Amino acid sequence: MRSALPPALRRPGGLLLALALLAGVVSAGWAAPSGAPWSLDVRPVLLRMDGNPEARWRAHAFGLDVNVHLLRLHAHIGWPGIPVLLPAPVPPAGTR
């Protein structure tokens, strides 16, 4: 049985179907409670600092933390964000 649509019109329909399925899976995971078998948690991170006082490039702004729970699988994906250049630490007076 052949389709009445030419291949050029069938391909965008398949892409739209895949996009709709992806949107449905993401929205169901986003709306699920934390104890559900499938959940998706996206948290924005305004500023992340490293505890090392010597590090100058260890501050990042506007990052994302994404947690994906699927049955017993837990995946954490993090994007650190934009590096922020902090001024060099000034040594206390009289230590030079």
PDB file of N, CA and C in Angstrom:
ATOM      1  N   MET A   1       0.841  -1.174   0.000  1.00  0.00           N
ATOM      2  CA  MET A   1       0.000   0.000   0.000  1.00  0.00           C
ATOM      3  C   MET A   1       0.884   1.234   0.000  1.00  0.00           C
ATOM      4  N   ARG A   2       0.678   2.115  -0.941  1.00  0.00           N
ATOM      5  CA  ARG A   2       1.478   3.317  -1.074  1.00  0.00           C
ATOM      6  C   ARG A   2       0.742   4.504  -0.460  1.00  0.00           C
ATOM      7  N   SER A   3       1.519   5.403   0.090  1.00  0.00           N
ATOM      8  CA  SER A   3       0.942   6.604   0.681  1.00  0.00           C
ATOM      9  C   SER A   3       0.583   7.595  -0.426  1.00  0.00           C
ATOM     10  N   ALA A   4      -0.448   8.373  -0.185  1.00  0.00           N
ATOM     11  CA  ALA A   4      -0.873   9.370  -1.160  1.00  0.00           C
ATOM     12  C   ALA A   4       0.031  10.601  -1.124  1.00  0.00           C
ATOM     13  N   LEU A   5       0.814  10.772  -0.038  1.00  0.00           N
ATOM     14  CA  LEU A   5       1.695  11.927   0.074  1.00  0.00           C
ATOM     15  C   LEU A   5       3.052  11.630  -0.544  1.00  0.00           C
ATOM     16  N   PRO A   6       3.647  12.601  -1.225  1.00  0.00           N
ATOM     17  CA  PRO A   6       4.997  12.408  -1.744  1.00  0.00           C
ATOM     18  C   PRO A   6       6.006  12.381  -0.586  1.00  0.00           C
ATOM     19  N   PRO A   7       7.199  11.795  -0.801  1.00  0.00           N
ATOM     20  CA  PRO A   7       8.197  11.696   0.276  1.00  0.00           C
ATOM     21  C   PRO A   7       8.596  13.048   0.861  1.00  0.00           C
ATOM     22  N   ALA A   8       8.578  14.101   0.069  1.00  0.00           N
ATOM     23  CA  ALA A   8       8.959  15.423   0.577  1.00  0.00           C
ATOM     24  C   ALA A   8       7.981  15.921   1.640  1.00  0.00           C
ATOM     25  N   LEU A   9       6.741  15.463   1.609  1.00  0.00           N
ATOM     26  CA  LEU A   9       5.764  15.878   2.613  1.00  0.00           C
ATOM     27  C   LEU A   9       5.678  14.887   3.769  1.00  0.00           C
ATOM     28  N   ARG A  10       6.119  13.643   3.575  1.00  0.00           N
ATOM     29  CA  ARG A  10       6.084  12.662   4.658  1.00  0.00           C
ATOM     30  C   ARG A  10       7.177  12.928   5.687  1.00  0.00           C
ATOM     31  N   ARG A  11       8.334  13.396   5.248  1.00  0.00           N
ATOM     32  CA  ARG A  11       9.465  13.614   6.144  1.00  0.00           C
ATOM     33  C   ARG A  11       9.169  14.687   7.197  1.00  0.00           C
ATOM     34  N   PRO A  12       8.649  15.857   6.844  1.00  0.00           N
ATOM     35  CA  PRO A  12       8.322  16.846   7.881  1.00  0.00           C
ATOM     36  C   PRO A  12       7.261  16.334   8.861  1.00  0.00           C
ATOM     37  N   GLY A  13       6.341  15.499   8.376  1.00  0.00           N
ATOM     38  CA  GLY A  13       5.338  14.938   9.287  1.00  0.00           C
ATOM     39  C   GLY A  13       5.977  14.025  10.323  1.00  0.00           C
ATOM     40  N   GLY A  14       6.966  13.248   9.903  1.00  0.00           N
ATOM     41  CA  GLY A  14       7.687  12.388  10.843  1.00  0.00           C
ATOM     42  C   GLY A  14       8.490  13.194  11.845  1.00  0.00           C
ATOM     43  N   LEU A  15       9.109  14.289  11.387  1.00  0.00           N
ATOM     44  CA  LEU A  15       9.850  15.151  12.301  1.00  0.00           C
ATOM     45  C   LEU A  15       8.924  15.829  13.306  1.00  0.00           C
ATOM     46  N   LEU A  16       7.772  16.249  12.845  1.00  0.00           N
ATOM     47  CA  LEU A  16       6.803  16.861  13.763  1.00  0.00           C
ATOM     48  C   LEU A  16       6.300  15.851  14.789  1.00  0.00           C
ATOM     49  N   LEU A  17       6.095  14.606  14.358  1.00  0.00           N
ATOM     50  CA  LEU A  17       5.676  13.562  15.288  1.00  0.00           C
ATOM     51  C   LEU A  17       6.755  13.302  16.331  1.00  0.00           C
ATOM     52  N   ALA A  18       8.013  13.220  15.900  1.00  0.00           N
ATOM     53  CA  ALA A  18       9.116  13.014  16.840  1.00  0.00           C
ATOM     54  C   ALA A  18       9.237  14.186  17.811  1.00  0.00           C
ATOM     55  N   LEU A  19       9.062  15.397  17.329  1.00  0.00           N
ATOM     56  CA  LEU A  19       9.117  16.578  18.180  1.00  0.00           C
ATOM     57  C   LEU A  19       7.972  16.580  19.192  1.00  0.00           C
ATOM     58  N   ALA A  20       6.785  16.181  18.761  1.00  0.00           N
ATOM     59  CA  ALA A  20       5.641  16.112  19.678  1.00  0.00           C
ATOM     60  C   ALA A  20       5.859  15.037  20.745  1.00  0.00           C
ATOM     61  N   LEU A  21       6.424  13.894  20.356  1.00  0.00           N
ATOM     62  CA  LEU A  21       6.711  12.852  21.347  1.00  0.00           C
ATOM     63  C   LEU A  21       7.763  13.311  22.341  1.00  0.00           C
ATOM     64  N   LEU A  22       8.809  13.979  21.865  1.00  0.00           N
ATOM     65  CA  LEU A  22       9.839  14.496  22.760  1.00  0.00           C
ATOM     66  C   LEU A  22       9.259  15.528  23.730  1.00  0.00           C
ATOM     67  N   ALA A  23       8.417  16.416  23.235  1.00  0.00           N
ATOM     68  CA  ALA A  23       7.789  17.411  24.098  1.00  0.00           C
ATOM     69  C   ALA A  23       6.896  16.746  25.137  1.00  0.00           C
ATOM     70  N   GLY A  24       6.189  15.692  24.750  1.00  0.00           N
ATOM     71  CA  GLY A  24       5.343  14.977  25.707  1.00  0.00           C
ATOM     72  C   GLY A  24       6.146  14.286  26.784  1.00  0.00           C
ATOM     73  N   VAL A  25       7.259  13.660  26.416  1.00  0.00           N
ATOM     74  CA  VAL A  25       8.100  12.975  27.409  1.00  0.00           C
ATOM     75  C   VAL A  25       8.724  13.982  28.372  1.00  0.00           C
ATOM     76  N   VAL A  26       9.213  15.095  27.842  1.00  0.00           N
ATOM     77  CA  VAL A  26       9.827  16.115  28.695  1.00  0.00           C
ATOM     78  C   VAL A  26       8.796  16.738  29.630  1.00  0.00           C
ATOM     79  N   SER A  27       7.614  17.067  29.125  1.00  0.00           N
ATOM     80  CA  SER A  27       6.613  17.691  29.987  1.00  0.00           C
ATOM     81  C   SER A  27       6.086  16.721  31.036  1.00  0.00           C
ATOM     82  N   ALA A  28       5.969  15.443  30.694  1.00  0.00           N
ATOM     83  CA  ALA A  28       5.536  14.456  31.699  1.00  0.00           C
ATOM     84  C   ALA A  28       6.600  14.284  32.765  1.00  0.00           C
ATOM     85  N   GLY A  29       7.865  14.282  32.388  1.00  0.00           N
ATOM     86  CA  GLY A  29       8.941  14.160  33.364  1.00  0.00           C
ATOM     87  C   GLY A  29       9.074  15.390  34.233  1.00  0.00           C
ATOM     88  N   TRP A  30       8.824  16.542  33.658  1.00  0.00           N
ATOM     89  CA  TRP A  30       8.929  17.793  34.400  1.00  0.00           C
ATOM     90  C   TRP A  30       7.801  17.920  35.426  1.00  0.00           C
ATOM     91  N   ALA A  31       6.624  17.438  35.091  1.00  0.00           N
ATOM     92  CA  ALA A  31       5.476  17.582  35.984  1.00  0.00           C
ATOM     93  C   ALA A  31       5.389  16.458  37.013  1.00  0.00           C
ATOM     94  N   ALA A  32       6.197  15.414  36.877  1.00  0.00           N
ATOM     95  CA  ALA A  32       6.115  14.267  37.782  1.00  0.00           C
ATOM     96  C   ALA A  32       6.699  14.615  39.148  1.00  0.00           C
ATOM     97  N   PRO A  33       6.158  14.012  40.215  1.00  0.00           N
ATOM     98  CA  PRO A  33       6.744  14.212  41.547  1.00  0.00           C
ATOM     99  C   PRO A  33       8.114  13.535  41.627  1.00  0.00           C
ATOM    100  N   SER A  34       8.887  13.863  42.646  1.00  0.00           N
ATOM    101  CA  SER A  34      10.259  13.364  42.727  1.00  0.00           C
ATOM    102  C   SER A  34      10.340  11.848  42.918  1.00  0.00           C
ATOM    103  N   GLY A  35       9.318  11.199  43.457  1.00  0.00           N
ATOM    104  CA  GLY A  35       9.347   9.761  43.669  1.00  0.00           C
ATOM    105  C   GLY A  35       8.795   8.950  42.516  1.00  0.00           C
ATOM    106  N   ALA A  36       8.441   9.582  41.421  1.00  0.00           N
ATOM    107  CA  ALA A  36       7.844   8.889  40.277  1.00  0.00           C
ATOM    108  C   ALA A  36       8.902   8.084  39.523  1.00  0.00           C
ATOM    109  N   PRO A  37       8.485   7.051  38.758  1.00  0.00           N
ATOM    110  CA  PRO A  37       9.459   6.273  37.987  1.00  0.00           C
ATOM    111  C   PRO A  37      10.186   7.100  36.924  1.00  0.00           C
ATOM    112  N   TRP A  38       9.580   8.146  36.414  1.00  0.00           N
ATOM    113  CA  TRP A  38      10.214   9.014  35.426  1.00  0.00           C
ATOM    114  C   TRP A  38      10.043  10.448  35.878  1.00  0.00           C
ATOM    115  N   SER A  39      11.140  11.126  36.133  1.00  0.00           N
ATOM    116  CA  SER A  39      11.052  12.536  36.500  1.00  0.00           C
ATOM    117  C   SER A  39      12.253  13.286  35.937  1.00  0.00           C
ATOM    118  N   LEU A  40      12.047  14.542  35.717  1.00  0.00           N
ATOM    119  CA  LEU A  40      13.055  15.424  35.153  1.00  0.00           C
ATOM    120  C   LEU A  40      13.063  16.689  35.996  1.00  0.00           C
ATOM    121  N   ASP A  41      14.231  17.069  36.483  1.00  0.00           N
ATOM    122  CA  ASP A  41      14.345  18.232  37.350  1.00  0.00           C
ATOM    123  C   ASP A  41      15.415  19.158  36.773  1.00  0.00           C
ATOM    124  N   VAL A  42      15.029  20.379  36.431  1.00  0.00           N
ATOM    125  CA  VAL A  42      15.949  21.368  35.885  1.00  0.00           C
ATOM    126  C   VAL A  42      16.012  22.535  36.857  1.00  0.00           C
ATOM    127  N   ARG A  43      17.231  22.853  37.299  1.00  0.00           N
ATOM    128  CA  ARG A  43      17.408  23.956  38.250  1.00  0.00           C
ATOM    129  C   ARG A  43      18.438  24.936  37.714  1.00  0.00           C
ATOM    130  N   PRO A  44      18.087  26.206  37.669  1.00  0.00           N
ATOM    131  CA  PRO A  44      19.080  27.205  37.264  1.00  0.00           C
ATOM    132  C   PRO A  44      20.037  27.497  38.420  1.00  0.00           C
ATOM    133  N   VAL A  45      21.281  27.775  38.090  1.00  0.00           N
ATOM    134  CA  VAL A  45      22.300  28.114  39.083  1.00  0.00           C
ATOM    135  C   VAL A  45      22.778  29.524  38.760  1.00  0.00           C
ATOM    136  N   LEU A  46      22.516  30.448  39.656  1.00  0.00           N
ATOM    137  CA  LEU A  46      22.886  31.842  39.405  1.00  0.00           C
ATOM    138  C   LEU A  46      24.398  32.034  39.482  1.00  0.00           C
ATOM    139  N   LEU A  47      25.030  31.539  40.544  1.00  0.00           N
ATOM    140  CA  LEU A  47      26.466  31.722  40.717  1.00  0.00           C
ATOM    141  C   LEU A  47      27.029  30.527  41.456  1.00  0.00           C
ATOM    142  N   ARG A  48      28.116  29.954  40.947  1.00  0.00           N
ATOM    143  CA  ARG A  48      28.792  28.826  41.595  1.00  0.00           C
ATOM    144  C   ARG A  48      30.233  29.242  41.836  1.00  0.00           C
ATOM    145  N   MET A  49      30.689  29.109  43.095  1.00  0.00           N
ATOM    146  CA  MET A  49      32.046  29.510  43.472  1.00  0.00           C
ATOM    147  C   MET A  49      32.831  28.288  43.914  1.00  0.00           C
ATOM    148  N   ASP A  50      34.116  28.275  43.599  1.00  0.00           N
ATOM    149  CA  ASP A  50      35.006  27.220  44.074  1.00  0.00           C
ATOM    150  C   ASP A  50      35.534  27.623  45.444  1.00  0.00           C
ATOM    151  N   GLY A  51      35.777  26.639  46.306  1.00  0.00           N
ATOM    152  CA  GLY A  51      36.259  26.918  47.651  1.00  0.00           C
ATOM    153  C   GLY A  51      37.730  27.253  47.711  1.00  0.00           C
ATOM    154  N   ASN A  52      38.466  27.110  46.625  1.00  0.00           N
ATOM    155  CA  ASN A  52      39.893  27.382  46.599  1.00  0.00           C
ATOM    156  C   ASN A  52      40.127  28.886  46.462  1.00  0.00           C
ATOM    157  N   PRO A  53      40.721  29.543  47.470  1.00  0.00           N
ATOM    158  CA  PRO A  53      40.912  30.997  47.375  1.00  0.00           C
ATOM    159  C   PRO A  53      41.950  31.388  46.332  1.00  0.00           C
ATOM    160  N   GLU A  54      42.825  30.462  45.905  1.00  0.00           N
ATOM    161  CA  GLU A  54      43.851  30.767  44.919  1.00  0.00           C
ATOM    162  C   GLU A  54      43.301  30.768  43.497  1.00  0.00           C
ATOM    163  N   ALA A  55      42.160  30.136  43.278  1.00  0.00           N
ATOM    164  CA  ALA A  55      41.623  29.983  41.920  1.00  0.00           C
ATOM    165  C   ALA A  55      40.950  31.271  41.468  1.00  0.00           C
ATOM    166  N   ARG A  56      41.329  31.727  40.287  1.00  0.00           N
ATOM    167  CA  ARG A  56      40.734  32.951  39.760  1.00  0.00           C
ATOM    168  C   ARG A  56      39.626  32.649  38.772  1.00  0.00           C
ATOM    169  N   TRP A  57      39.662  31.507  38.080  1.00  0.00           N
ATOM    170  CA  TRP A  57      38.680  31.192  37.046  1.00  0.00           C
ATOM    171  C   TRP A  57      37.671  30.176  37.530  1.00  0.00           C
ATOM    172  N   ARG A  58      37.484  30.034  38.800  1.00  0.00           N
ATOM    173  CA  ARG A  58      36.606  28.997  39.314  1.00  0.00           C
ATOM    174  C   ARG A  58      35.213  29.493  39.671  1.00  0.00           C
ATOM    175  N   ALA A  59      34.883  30.701  39.315  1.00  0.00           N
ATOM    176  CA  ALA A  59      33.533  31.217  39.527  1.00  0.00           C
ATOM    177  C   ALA A  59      32.777  31.145  38.205  1.00  0.00           C
ATOM    178  N   HIS A  60      31.535  30.658  38.242  1.00  0.00           N
ATOM    179  CA  HIS A  60      30.712  30.543  37.039  1.00  0.00           C
ATOM    180  C   HIS A  60      29.333  31.121  37.319  1.00  0.00           C
ATOM    181  N   ALA A  61      28.758  31.780  36.328  1.00  0.00           N
ATOM    182  CA  ALA A  61      27.434  32.388  36.477  1.00  0.00           C
ATOM    183  C   ALA A  61      26.480  31.806  35.439  1.00  0.00           C
ATOM    184  N   PHE A  62      25.220  31.740  35.798  1.00  0.00           N
ATOM    185  CA  PHE A  62      24.125  31.330  34.910  1.00  0.00           C
ATOM    186  C   PHE A  62      24.300  29.904  34.367  1.00  0.00           C
ATOM    187  N   GLY A  63      24.412  28.941  35.258  1.00  0.00           N
ATOM    188  CA  GLY A  63      24.544  27.543  34.864  1.00  0.00           C
ATOM    189  C   GLY A  63      23.222  26.808  35.001  1.00  0.00           C
ATOM    190  N   LEU A  64      23.242  25.518  34.683  1.00  0.00           N
ATOM    191  CA  LEU A  64      22.061  24.657  34.790  1.00  0.00           C
ATOM    192  C   LEU A  64      22.445  23.335  35.436  1.00  0.00           C
ATOM    193  N   ASP A  65      21.588  22.815  36.292  1.00  0.00           N
ATOM    194  CA  ASP A  65      21.705  21.467  36.836  1.00  0.00           C
ATOM    195  C   ASP A  65      20.468  20.701  36.407  1.00  0.00           C
ATOM    196  N   VAL A  66      20.664  19.557  35.739  1.00  0.00           N
ATOM    197  CA  VAL A  66      19.558  18.736  35.250  1.00  0.00           C
ATOM    198  C   VAL A  66      19.688  17.353  35.867  1.00  0.00           C
ATOM    199  N   ASN A  67      18.635  16.878  36.529  1.00  0.00           N
ATOM    200  CA  ASN A  67      18.581  15.535  37.093  1.00  0.00           C
ATOM    201  C   ASN A  67      17.503  14.746  36.373  1.00  0.00           C
ATOM    202  N   VAL A  68      17.870  13.554  35.896  1.00  0.00           N
ATOM    203  CA  VAL A  68      16.941  12.678  35.190  1.00  0.00           C
ATOM    204  C   VAL A  68      16.832  11.382  35.986  1.00  0.00           C
ATOM    205  N   HIS A  69      15.612  11.008  36.368  1.00  0.00           N
ATOM    206  CA  HIS A  69      15.352   9.748  37.069  1.00  0.00           C
ATOM    207  C   HIS A  69      14.500   8.871  36.167  1.00  0.00           C
ATOM    208  N   LEU A  70      14.990   7.691  35.846  1.00  0.00           N
ATOM    209  CA  LEU A  70      14.237   6.719  35.053  1.00  0.00           C
ATOM    210  C   LEU A  70      14.375   5.376  35.751  1.00  0.00           C
ATOM    211  N   LEU A  71      13.288   4.946  36.423  1.00  0.00           N
ATOM    212  CA  LEU A  71      13.280   3.738  37.249  1.00  0.00           C
ATOM    213  C   LEU A  71      14.422   3.824  38.265  1.00  0.00           C
ATOM    214  N   ARG A  72      15.449   2.985  38.158  1.00  0.00           N
ATOM    215  CA  ARG A  72      16.554   3.018  39.119  1.00  0.00           C
ATOM    216  C   ARG A  72      17.754   3.803  38.609  1.00  0.00           C
ATOM    217  N   LEU A  73      17.669   4.319  37.398  1.00  0.00           N
ATOM    218  CA  LEU A  73      18.763   5.090  36.809  1.00  0.00           C
ATOM    219  C   LEU A  73      18.633   6.550  37.215  1.00  0.00           C
ATOM    220  N   HIS A  74      19.738   7.128  37.651  1.00  0.00           N
ATOM    221  CA  HIS A  74      19.768   8.546  37.994  1.00  0.00           C
ATOM    222  C   HIS A  74      20.934   9.175  37.244  1.00  0.00           C
ATOM    223  N   ALA A  75      20.658  10.149  36.411  1.00  0.00           N
ATOM    224  CA  ALA A  75      21.697  10.846  35.668  1.00  0.00           C
ATOM    225  C   ALA A  75      21.682  12.320  36.047  1.00  0.00           C
ATOM    226  N   HIS A  76      22.846  12.853  36.269  1.00  0.00           N
ATOM    227  CA  HIS A  76      22.988  14.274  36.591  1.00  0.00           C
ATOM    228  C   HIS A  76      23.802  14.923  35.488  1.00  0.00           C
ATOM    229  N   ILE A  77      23.248  15.969  34.899  1.00  0.00           N
ATOM    230  CA  ILE A  77      23.928  16.709  33.847  1.00  0.00           C
ATOM    231  C   ILE A  77      24.039  18.147  34.317  1.00  0.00           C
ATOM    232  N   GLY A  78      25.223  18.672  34.286  1.00  0.00           N
ATOM    233  CA  GLY A  78      25.406  20.040  34.737  1.00  0.00           C
ATOM    234  C   GLY A  78      26.172  20.855  33.715  1.00  0.00           C
ATOM    235  N   TRP A  79      25.700  22.050  33.458  1.00  0.00           N
ATOM    236  CA  TRP A  79      26.428  22.990  32.624  1.00  0.00           C
ATOM    237  C   TRP A  79      26.905  24.089  33.555  1.00  0.00           C
ATOM    238  N   PRO A  80      28.228  24.285  33.679  1.00  0.00           N
ATOM    239  CA  PRO A  80      28.732  25.216  34.685  1.00  0.00           C
ATOM    240  C   PRO A  80      28.367  26.663  34.428  1.00  0.00           C
ATOM    241  N   GLY A  81      28.149  27.041  33.203  1.00  0.00           N
ATOM    242  CA  GLY A  81      27.786  28.426  32.920  1.00  0.00           C
ATOM    243  C   GLY A  81      28.949  29.218  32.370  1.00  0.00           C
ATOM    244  N   ILE A  82      28.868  30.508  32.511  1.00  0.00           N
ATOM    245  CA  ILE A  82      29.855  31.425  31.950  1.00  0.00           C
ATOM    246  C   ILE A  82      30.935  31.689  33.002  1.00  0.00           C
ATOM    247  N   PRO A  83      32.221  31.490  32.676  1.00  0.00           N
ATOM    248  CA  PRO A  83      33.276  31.778  33.651  1.00  0.00           C
ATOM    249  C   PRO A  83      33.326  33.269  33.981  1.00  0.00           C
ATOM    250  N   VAL A  84      33.541  33.561  35.251  1.00  0.00           N
ATOM    251  CA  VAL A  84      33.618  34.939  35.724  1.00  0.00           C
ATOM    252  C   VAL A  84      35.030  35.159  36.252  1.00  0.00           C
ATOM    253  N   LEU A  85      35.693  36.176  35.755  1.00  0.00           N
ATOM    254  CA  LEU A  85      37.051  36.502  36.205  1.00  0.00           C
ATOM    255  C   LEU A  85      36.941  37.326  37.480  1.00  0.00           C
ATOM    256  N   LEU A  86      37.487  36.773  38.539  1.00  0.00           N
ATOM    257  CA  LEU A  86      37.496  37.492  39.823  1.00  0.00           C
ATOM    258  C   LEU A  86      38.824  38.196  39.989  1.00  0.00           C
ATOM    259  N   PRO A  87      38.859  39.303  40.717  1.00  0.00           N
ATOM    260  CA  PRO A  87      40.127  39.987  40.937  1.00  0.00           C
ATOM    261  C   PRO A  87      41.071  39.105  41.762  1.00  0.00           C
ATOM    262  N   ALA A  88      42.357  39.268  41.530  1.00  0.00           N
ATOM    263  CA  ALA A  88      43.361  38.494  42.271  1.00  0.00           C
ATOM    264  C   ALA A  88      43.298  38.866  43.744  1.00  0.00           C
ATOM    265  N   PRO A  89      43.506  37.881  44.634  1.00  0.00           N
ATOM    266  CA  PRO A  89      43.492  38.206  46.060  1.00  0.00           C
ATOM    267  C   PRO A  89      44.678  39.110  46.427  1.00  0.00           C
ATOM    268  N   VAL A  90      44.409  40.067  47.257  1.00  0.00           N
ATOM    269  CA  VAL A  90      45.447  41.015  47.689  1.00  0.00           C
ATOM    270  C   VAL A  90      46.043  40.487  48.981  1.00  0.00           C
ATOM    271  N   PRO A  91      47.378  40.321  49.024  1.00  0.00           N
ATOM    272  CA  PRO A  91      47.982  39.841  50.272  1.00  0.00           C
ATOM    273  C   PRO A  91      47.865  40.911  51.376  1.00  0.00           C
ATOM    274  N   PRO A  92      47.785  40.456  52.618  1.00  0.00           N
ATOM    275  CA  PRO A  92      47.678  41.423  53.719  1.00  0.00           C
ATOM    276  C   PRO A  92      48.915  42.338  53.769  1.00  0.00           C
ATOM    277  N   ALA A  93      48.731  43.527  54.309  1.00  0.00           N
ATOM    278  CA  ALA A  93      49.821  44.510  54.393  1.00  0.00           C
ATOM    279  C   ALA A  93      50.936  43.981  55.277  1.00  0.00           C
ATOM    280  N   GLY A  94      52.165  44.210  54.844  1.00  0.00           N
ATOM    281  CA  GLY A  94      53.331  43.818  55.640  1.00  0.00           C
ATOM    282  C   GLY A  94      53.787  42.392  55.383  1.00  0.00           C
ATOM    283  N   THR A  95      53.223  41.681  54.430  1.00  0.00           N
ATOM    284  CA  THR A  95      53.665  40.308  54.162  1.00  0.00           C
ATOM    285  C   THR A  95      54.562  40.227  52.933  1.00  0.00           C
ATOM    286  N   ARG A  96      54.826  41.339  52.276  1.00  0.00           N
ATOM    287  CA  ARG A  96      55.675  41.323  51.074  1.00  0.00           C
ATOM    288  C   ARG A  96      57.116  41.376  51.425  1.00  0.00           C
TER     289      ARG A  96
END
